[in-house]
Amino acid sequence: MFDLTPIYPLAVTSPDDDGLDAGFAWCAAHMQDGDHITVWTHQKSNLHNNPKLEEFVERYSDVDHVTARGGVHIRRNGPVLMAWADQTDIAELIKSNSNSIRALCVVYWDEDKLRAWVTEAQPELLGDTSVWDVAVDPLDPVVEEALKSLTRVINHNNTIAGGYEKDRVVPVLLALHDAGYKLDGARMAGWAVANGWTGGNPAKLEEFVEAIEAGKRLRSRGRVPRDYIQQLKARVAEAEEKTDG
């Protein structure tokens, strides 16, 4: 399988002071010689509005600060602390910086907007971990097999909003929907981020799914074979036999 799953350590931490302290320590523990820690926030004001985070950035010369505005480019290799991010933010960060990230710790602000990614990526849990006691339901194996197939065939440097990539994605989603599979956009987007989809593609995948579940027949020029769902089922069954054996 074409594996795009990030190979660096992952963690998620709570937004309180204890969680931030744990996130700082975790990032520091994953530094190598010459590394800098990069702190990511949406805007500069997010940093200034949190005294503990601002002190961490200003106190240490090997800690940099970047914002999401205008695109993110990490200046130096090292661990990244994403303060108050969701799974879409993670996908955007990874798109241009995957080779610069030594380790990634995410400070959540709305756990429900990160729960699907946490369920799939299985990051180390820091700070107050009680919010993760409620996990999301696993993907149906057939739906997951379809996502694995899409991961192999689309060009992840391109957007799935149009062109060839849309022509591959939309027919698969429609086939799953027409076969009676309940599709969860946020859950599938979380899977996508955890398995190497970057930039705006996970969010666009979620948008496609929500539109289809709302009854829209999205247009595309692509098609899947008539027996596509049966092919997926066969691959799932084969994988389960290998696991059982």
Protein backbone atom coordinates (compact mmCIF):
# COMPACT_ATOMS: atom_id res chain seq x y z
CA MET A 1 0.00 0.00 0.00
CA PHE A 2 1.15 3.55 -0.80
CA ASP A 3 1.61 4.76 2.80
CA LEU A 4 1.48 8.52 3.40
CA THR A 5 0.96 8.24 7.16
CA PRO A 6 3.18 10.70 9.08
CA ILE A 7 6.11 8.85 10.67
CA TYR A 8 6.95 11.42 13.37
CA PRO A 9 5.56 11.24 16.94
CA LEU A 10 2.13 12.76 17.58
CA ALA A 11 0.52 14.12 20.73
CA VAL A 12 -2.57 16.08 21.72
CA THR A 13 -2.88 18.16 24.86
CA SER A 14 -5.49 20.16 26.75
CA PRO A 15 -5.71 23.98 26.52
CA ASP A 16 -5.26 24.64 30.26
CA ASP A 17 -1.94 25.59 31.86
CA ASP A 18 -1.13 22.02 32.83
CA GLY A 19 -1.79 20.88 29.28
CA LEU A 20 0.41 23.61 27.82
CA ASP A 21 3.22 22.75 30.24
CA ALA A 22 2.93 19.10 29.20
CA GLY A 23 2.99 20.11 25.53
CA PHE A 24 6.09 22.27 26.02
CA ALA A 25 7.90 19.46 27.80
CA TRP A 26 6.88 16.88 25.18
CA CYS A 27 8.16 19.06 22.33
CA ALA A 28 11.43 19.75 24.16
CA ALA A 29 11.93 16.02 24.71
CA HIS A 30 11.70 15.44 20.95
CA MET A 31 14.29 18.05 19.95
CA GLN A 32 17.54 17.09 18.29
CA ASP A 33 20.76 19.10 17.94
CA GLY A 34 20.11 22.31 16.06
CA ASP A 35 16.32 22.01 16.27
CA HIS A 36 13.89 24.79 17.06
CA ILE A 37 10.39 24.37 18.45
CA THR A 38 7.78 26.06 16.27
CA VAL A 39 4.62 27.36 17.94
CA TRP A 40 1.69 27.71 15.53
CA THR A 41 -1.38 29.86 16.13
CA HIS A 42 -4.09 31.12 13.79
CA GLN A 43 -3.19 34.77 14.41
CA LYS A 44 -0.66 36.78 16.40
CA SER A 45 -3.42 37.84 18.79
CA ASN A 46 -3.92 34.19 19.80
CA LEU A 47 -0.37 34.21 21.16
CA HIS A 48 -0.69 37.54 22.94
CA ASN A 49 -3.97 36.53 24.54
CA ASN A 50 -2.33 33.59 26.32
CA PRO A 51 0.42 34.75 28.75
CA LYS A 52 1.85 31.27 29.27
CA LEU A 53 2.21 30.57 25.56
CA GLU A 54 3.57 34.05 24.87
CA GLU A 55 6.16 33.69 27.64
CA PHE A 56 7.27 30.33 26.22
CA VAL A 57 7.87 31.91 22.80
CA GLU A 58 9.62 35.03 24.10
CA ARG A 59 11.74 33.35 26.76
CA TYR A 60 13.63 30.87 24.60
CA SER A 61 15.77 31.70 21.59
CA ASP A 62 15.15 28.29 20.02
CA VAL A 63 11.36 28.73 19.93
CA ASP A 64 9.80 30.30 16.82
CA HIS A 65 6.26 31.51 16.24
CA VAL A 66 4.29 31.24 12.99
CA THR A 67 0.69 31.97 12.11
CA ALA A 68 -1.71 30.32 9.69
CA ARG A 69 -2.36 33.54 7.80
CA GLY A 70 -0.84 33.59 4.34
CA GLY A 71 0.29 29.98 4.51
CA VAL A 72 2.66 28.32 6.94
CA HIS A 73 6.35 27.76 6.32
CA ILE A 74 8.39 26.41 9.22
CA ARG A 75 11.75 28.14 9.25
CA ARG A 76 13.76 25.46 11.08
CA ASN A 77 13.38 21.72 11.59
CA GLY A 78 12.03 20.54 14.91
CA PRO A 79 8.90 19.77 16.93
CA VAL A 80 5.75 21.80 16.32
CA LEU A 81 3.20 22.87 18.93
CA MET A 82 -0.09 23.75 17.23
CA ALA A 83 -2.10 25.87 19.64
CA TRP A 84 -5.88 25.58 19.28
CA ALA A 85 -5.95 23.69 16.01
CA ASP A 86 -8.41 21.33 14.36
CA GLN A 87 -7.84 18.55 11.84
CA THR A 88 -8.14 20.92 8.88
CA ASP A 89 -5.36 23.07 10.34
CA ILE A 90 -3.17 19.97 10.70
CA ALA A 91 -3.68 19.06 7.05
CA GLU A 92 -2.76 22.59 5.94
CA LEU A 93 0.40 22.62 8.07
CA ILE A 94 1.62 19.24 6.85
CA LYS A 95 1.17 20.09 3.15
CA SER A 96 4.17 22.44 3.01
CA ASN A 97 6.18 21.29 6.02
CA SER A 98 6.13 17.51 6.31
CA ASN A 99 9.92 17.25 5.95
CA SER A 100 10.53 19.89 8.62
CA ILE A 101 8.35 18.43 11.38
CA ARG A 102 10.24 16.36 13.96
CA ALA A 103 7.19 15.80 16.17
CA LEU A 104 3.71 17.31 16.31
CA CYS A 105 1.71 18.23 19.43
CA VAL A 106 -1.77 19.72 18.99
CA VAL A 107 -3.48 21.84 21.65
CA TYR A 108 -7.21 21.33 21.15
CA TRP A 109 -9.78 24.09 21.55
CA ASP A 110 -12.89 22.12 20.57
CA GLU A 111 -12.31 18.44 21.14
CA ASP A 112 -15.20 17.47 18.86
CA LYS A 113 -13.43 19.11 15.92
CA LEU A 114 -10.37 16.93 16.58
CA ARG A 115 -11.96 13.72 17.83
CA ALA A 116 -11.98 11.91 14.49
CA TRP A 117 -8.28 12.62 13.95
CA VAL A 118 -7.41 11.56 17.51
CA THR A 119 -9.37 8.32 17.07
CA GLU A 120 -7.55 7.48 13.84
CA ALA A 121 -4.04 8.87 14.46
CA GLN A 122 -3.79 7.62 18.06
CA PRO A 123 -1.54 10.45 19.33
CA GLU A 124 -0.07 10.41 22.83
CA LEU A 125 -2.59 12.00 25.20
CA LEU A 126 -1.26 14.78 27.45
CA GLY A 127 -2.81 17.09 30.02
CA ASP A 128 -6.48 16.47 30.83
CA THR A 129 -7.26 13.30 28.88
CA SER A 130 -10.85 12.86 30.09
CA VAL A 131 -12.33 14.45 26.96
CA TRP A 132 -11.05 11.54 24.89
CA ASP A 133 -12.92 8.91 26.91
CA VAL A 134 -15.71 9.14 24.32
CA ALA A 135 -14.37 7.87 21.00
CA VAL A 136 -16.06 8.03 17.63
CA ASP A 137 -17.37 4.87 16.01
CA PRO A 138 -14.91 3.08 13.73
CA LEU A 139 -15.36 3.42 10.00
CA ASP A 140 -17.16 0.63 8.24
CA PRO A 141 -14.40 -1.60 6.80
CA VAL A 142 -15.78 -1.17 3.28
CA VAL A 143 -15.76 2.62 3.59
CA GLU A 144 -12.22 2.50 4.95
CA GLU A 145 -11.11 0.25 2.08
CA ALA A 146 -12.55 2.78 -0.37
CA LEU A 147 -10.56 5.56 1.32
CA LYS A 148 -7.40 3.47 1.16
CA SER A 149 -7.98 2.96 -2.55
CA LEU A 150 -8.49 6.68 -3.13
CA THR A 151 -5.34 7.44 -1.15
CA ARG A 152 -3.38 5.30 -3.58
CA VAL A 153 -4.78 6.74 -6.81
CA ILE A 154 -5.16 10.48 -6.33
CA ASN A 155 -2.31 12.96 -6.67
CA HIS A 156 -2.03 14.54 -3.23
CA ASN A 157 -0.27 17.58 -4.66
CA ASN A 158 -3.50 18.48 -6.47
CA THR A 159 -6.85 19.57 -5.14
CA ILE A 160 -9.80 17.18 -5.24
CA ALA A 161 -12.10 20.15 -5.84
CA GLY A 162 -11.95 19.60 -9.59
CA GLY A 163 -10.34 17.83 -12.50
CA TYR A 164 -8.98 14.29 -12.45
CA GLU A 165 -8.91 14.01 -8.66
CA LYS A 166 -12.56 15.00 -8.27
CA ASP A 167 -13.45 12.51 -11.01
CA ARG A 168 -11.87 9.76 -8.89
CA VAL A 169 -13.28 10.78 -5.51
CA VAL A 170 -16.90 11.70 -6.21
CA PRO A 171 -17.94 8.44 -7.99
CA VAL A 172 -16.55 6.40 -5.09
CA LEU A 173 -18.52 8.43 -2.54
CA LEU A 174 -21.69 8.15 -4.61
CA ALA A 175 -21.24 4.40 -5.00
CA LEU A 176 -20.88 3.96 -1.24
CA HIS A 177 -23.93 6.15 -0.62
CA ASP A 178 -26.03 4.35 -3.22
CA ALA A 179 -25.05 1.01 -1.68
CA GLY A 180 -26.54 2.12 1.63
CA TYR A 181 -23.41 3.01 3.57
CA LYS A 182 -23.82 5.85 6.05
CA LEU A 183 -21.05 8.34 5.42
CA ASP A 184 -19.71 10.64 8.15
CA GLY A 185 -17.85 13.58 6.64
CA ALA A 186 -15.91 14.64 9.73
CA ARG A 187 -14.94 11.06 10.55
CA MET A 188 -13.73 10.40 7.01
CA ALA A 189 -11.81 13.70 6.96
CA GLY A 190 -10.12 12.72 10.22
CA TRP A 191 -9.09 9.41 8.66
CA ALA A 192 -7.77 11.30 5.63
CA VAL A 193 -5.60 13.67 7.69
CA ALA A 194 -4.20 10.77 9.73
CA ASN A 195 -3.37 8.90 6.53
CA GLY A 196 -1.51 11.59 4.65
CA TRP A 197 -4.13 13.75 2.93
CA THR A 198 -2.92 17.33 3.17
CA GLY A 199 -3.88 20.90 2.36
CA GLY A 200 -7.57 21.51 1.75
CA ASN A 201 -8.35 18.00 0.52
CA PRO A 202 -9.63 16.51 3.82
CA ALA A 203 -11.98 19.47 4.25
CA LYS A 204 -13.14 19.14 0.64
CA LEU A 205 -13.73 15.42 1.19
CA GLU A 206 -15.91 16.29 4.19
CA GLU A 207 -17.77 18.84 2.06
CA PHE A 208 -18.42 16.28 -0.69
CA VAL A 209 -19.70 13.72 1.83
CA GLU A 210 -22.03 16.17 3.54
CA ALA A 211 -23.47 17.25 0.19
CA ILE A 212 -24.07 13.66 -0.90
CA GLU A 213 -25.62 12.73 2.44
CA ALA A 214 -27.93 15.74 2.02
CA GLY A 215 -29.19 14.25 -1.24
CA LYS A 216 -27.10 16.10 -3.81
CA ARG A 217 -25.81 14.25 -6.88
CA LEU A 218 -22.40 15.80 -7.35
CA ARG A 219 -21.22 15.94 -10.92
CA SER A 220 -18.08 14.28 -12.17
CA ARG A 221 -16.84 12.65 -15.35
CA GLY A 222 -15.57 9.54 -13.60
CA ARG A 223 -17.25 6.20 -12.99
CA VAL A 224 -16.59 3.13 -10.94
CA PRO A 225 -17.14 -0.46 -12.14
CA ARG A 226 -20.59 -1.94 -11.55
CA ASP A 227 -19.09 -4.45 -9.16
CA TYR A 228 -17.00 -1.84 -7.31
CA ILE A 229 -18.66 -2.39 -3.93
CA GLN A 230 -18.24 -6.15 -4.33
CA GLN A 231 -14.55 -5.61 -5.07
CA LEU A 232 -14.22 -3.61 -1.86
CA LYS A 233 -16.02 -6.31 0.14
CA ALA A 234 -13.76 -8.97 -1.34
CA ARG A 235 -10.62 -7.05 -0.37
CA VAL A 236 -11.95 -6.55 3.16
CA ALA A 237 -12.75 -10.24 3.48
CA GLU A 238 -9.31 -11.21 2.19
CA ALA A 239 -7.62 -8.90 4.69
CA GLU A 240 -9.71 -10.28 7.53
CA GLU A 241 -8.78 -13.85 6.55
CA LYS A 242 -5.08 -12.96 6.64
CA THR A 243 -5.52 -11.35 10.04
CA ASP A 244 -7.41 -14.35 11.43
CA GLY A 245 -4.88 -16.73 9.94
